[in-house]
Amino acid sequence: MALPKVGIVEAPPKTKAGIREITIPAQMCEILKTLRGNGKIMYMCRPDDYVFRTAHGTAFFPSNIRRDWKKILNGAAVEYKCLKTWRHTHATQLLAKGVPLLEVSKRLGHSKPSHTLNLYGHAIPDFDKDIALKVAEIYGIAI
């Protein structure tokens, strides 16, 4: 969080759930390795390391990230959405693809799955017909 005339204030996550590891596709790892080679990113080796950092190894100011993000989206002819919107999109898409709520909740760093359900429950597909087929299968009912 940036404060006027103070800079970046770092604080621990609100809950233990905020400290987490997330998996990414192998192809994304290769992209990150390429970026690492040109000094744009580094791997987190300690809790105080940054994945994305300045040339001096410090954190980016949020205003610089927003400015660069706008440039990237503009260059790609994509409507501007703040980074938090992409977090919401990611969670919604995972749930819509059938990723279990508990796993999405862990990925987002929510301490309670009920919080994830309250925010993203609308994205969970309706499996009622599939459930009916499972019930028939459990009880040996021919369909």
Protein backbone atom coordinates (compact mmCIF):
# COMPACT_ATOMS: atom_id res chain seq x y z
CA MET A 1 0.00 0.00 0.00
CA ALA A 2 1.45 3.40 -0.92
CA LEU A 3 1.15 6.34 1.44
CA PRO A 4 1.78 9.97 0.46
CA LYS A 5 5.40 11.03 1.09
CA VAL A 6 6.12 7.77 2.92
CA GLY A 7 6.53 5.21 0.15
CA ILE A 8 5.60 1.59 0.26
CA VAL A 9 4.50 0.15 3.58
CA GLU A 10 4.89 -3.60 3.83
CA ALA A 11 2.84 -5.64 6.23
CA PRO A 12 2.24 -9.34 6.74
CA PRO A 13 -0.88 -10.89 5.22
CA LYS A 14 -4.13 -10.43 7.14
CA THR A 15 -4.34 -14.19 7.82
CA LYS A 16 -2.09 -17.26 7.60
CA ALA A 17 -4.02 -18.23 4.46
CA GLY A 18 -2.39 -15.26 2.72
CA ILE A 19 0.95 -17.08 2.80
CA ARG A 20 0.66 -19.65 0.04
CA GLU A 21 2.23 -21.30 -2.95
CA ILE A 22 0.30 -21.43 -6.20
CA THR A 23 0.92 -23.61 -9.22
CA ILE A 24 1.29 -22.14 -12.69
CA PRO A 25 1.58 -23.79 -16.11
CA ALA A 26 5.05 -25.04 -17.10
CA GLN A 27 4.97 -22.66 -20.09
CA MET A 28 4.55 -19.73 -17.72
CA CYS A 29 7.63 -20.90 -15.81
CA GLU A 30 9.60 -20.75 -19.06
CA ILE A 31 8.40 -17.20 -19.72
CA LEU A 32 9.40 -16.19 -16.20
CA LYS A 33 12.85 -17.78 -16.65
CA THR A 34 13.33 -15.73 -19.82
CA LEU A 35 12.36 -12.56 -17.98
CA ARG A 36 14.67 -13.52 -15.14
CA GLY A 37 17.56 -13.65 -17.60
CA ASN A 38 17.04 -10.00 -18.55
CA GLY A 39 16.80 -8.89 -14.91
CA LYS A 40 13.10 -8.01 -14.93
CA ILE A 41 12.12 -10.62 -12.34
CA MET A 42 13.67 -12.91 -9.80
CA TYR A 43 12.50 -16.02 -8.01
CA MET A 44 11.38 -15.68 -4.45
CA CYS A 45 14.00 -17.37 -2.31
CA ARG A 46 13.06 -15.69 0.95
CA PRO A 47 9.75 -14.30 2.16
CA ASP A 48 11.04 -10.75 1.69
CA ASP A 49 12.08 -11.24 -1.96
CA TYR A 50 10.00 -9.85 -4.81
CA VAL A 51 8.98 -11.78 -7.88
CA PHE A 52 8.74 -8.53 -9.83
CA ARG A 53 11.27 -5.90 -8.87
CA THR A 54 13.02 -2.74 -9.97
CA ALA A 55 16.58 -2.81 -11.32
CA HIS A 56 17.69 -2.11 -7.74
CA GLY A 57 15.80 -5.12 -6.36
CA THR A 58 13.14 -3.07 -4.62
CA ALA A 59 9.36 -3.21 -4.92
CA PHE A 60 7.57 -1.29 -7.64
CA PHE A 61 5.41 1.60 -6.52
CA PRO A 62 1.74 0.75 -7.14
CA SER A 63 1.31 3.87 -9.30
CA ASN A 64 4.12 2.66 -11.60
CA ILE A 65 2.50 -0.76 -11.91
CA ARG A 66 -0.86 0.83 -12.77
CA ARG A 67 0.76 3.11 -15.36
CA ASP A 68 2.63 0.24 -17.03
CA TRP A 69 -0.46 -1.99 -16.89
CA LYS A 70 -2.47 0.67 -18.71
CA LYS A 71 0.23 0.88 -21.39
CA ILE A 72 0.27 -2.90 -21.83
CA LEU A 73 -3.50 -3.11 -22.20
CA ASN A 74 -3.61 -0.11 -24.50
CA GLY A 75 -0.91 -1.64 -26.71
CA ALA A 76 -2.92 -4.87 -26.87
CA ALA A 77 -6.14 -2.96 -27.64
CA VAL A 78 -7.73 -4.36 -24.47
CA GLU A 79 -10.11 -2.27 -22.38
CA TYR A 80 -8.52 -1.10 -19.13
CA LYS A 81 -9.39 -3.10 -16.05
CA CYS A 82 -7.50 -2.78 -12.78
CA LEU A 83 -5.38 -5.72 -11.70
CA LYS A 84 -7.86 -6.70 -8.98
CA THR A 85 -10.48 -7.20 -11.69
CA TRP A 86 -8.21 -9.83 -13.27
CA ARG A 87 -8.01 -11.58 -9.88
CA HIS A 88 -11.81 -11.72 -9.80
CA THR A 89 -11.89 -12.94 -13.40
CA HIS A 90 -9.36 -15.67 -12.59
CA ALA A 91 -11.40 -16.91 -9.62
CA THR A 92 -14.66 -16.80 -11.59
CA GLN A 93 -13.17 -18.73 -14.52
CA LEU A 94 -11.68 -21.41 -12.25
CA LEU A 95 -15.03 -22.00 -10.58
CA ALA A 96 -16.87 -21.98 -13.92
CA LYS A 97 -14.46 -24.71 -15.13
CA GLY A 98 -15.40 -26.85 -12.13
CA VAL A 99 -12.33 -26.29 -9.95
CA PRO A 100 -13.45 -27.10 -6.40
CA LEU A 101 -14.37 -24.10 -4.27
CA LEU A 102 -11.90 -25.08 -1.55
CA GLU A 103 -9.00 -25.07 -4.04
CA VAL A 104 -9.98 -21.67 -5.45
CA SER A 105 -10.30 -20.33 -1.92
CA LYS A 106 -6.76 -21.52 -1.08
CA ARG A 107 -5.38 -20.03 -4.29
CA LEU A 108 -6.89 -16.65 -3.47
CA GLY A 109 -5.57 -16.75 0.08
CA HIS A 110 -9.01 -16.64 1.67
CA SER A 111 -9.00 -17.97 5.23
CA LYS A 112 -12.60 -19.16 4.91
CA PRO A 113 -14.11 -20.89 1.87
CA SER A 114 -17.41 -19.25 2.80
CA HIS A 115 -15.85 -15.90 1.86
CA THR A 116 -14.97 -17.25 -1.58
CA LEU A 117 -18.48 -18.68 -1.91
CA ASN A 118 -20.06 -15.34 -1.01
CA LEU A 119 -17.98 -13.52 -3.61
CA TYR A 120 -17.95 -16.04 -6.44
CA GLY A 121 -20.80 -18.49 -5.84
CA HIS A 122 -22.60 -17.17 -8.91
CA ALA A 123 -19.84 -18.66 -11.09
CA ILE A 124 -20.27 -22.23 -9.87
CA PRO A 125 -22.01 -24.18 -12.64
CA ASP A 126 -25.30 -25.92 -12.03
CA PHE A 127 -24.53 -29.62 -11.64
CA ASP A 128 -28.05 -30.65 -10.67
CA LYS A 129 -28.58 -32.84 -13.76
CA ASP A 130 -25.21 -34.52 -13.17
CA ILE A 131 -26.19 -35.12 -9.55
CA ALA A 132 -29.42 -36.81 -10.66
CA LEU A 133 -27.37 -39.17 -12.84
CA LYS A 134 -25.03 -39.92 -9.92
CA VAL A 135 -28.01 -40.65 -7.64
CA ALA A 136 -29.39 -43.05 -10.27
CA GLU A 137 -26.00 -44.72 -10.50
CA ILE A 138 -25.68 -45.05 -6.70
CA TYR A 139 -29.09 -46.71 -6.41
CA GLY A 140 -28.79 -48.81 -9.57
CA ILE A 141 -31.61 -47.04 -11.37
CA ALA A 142 -31.51 -47.47 -15.14
CA ILE A 143 -31.95 -44.26 -17.06
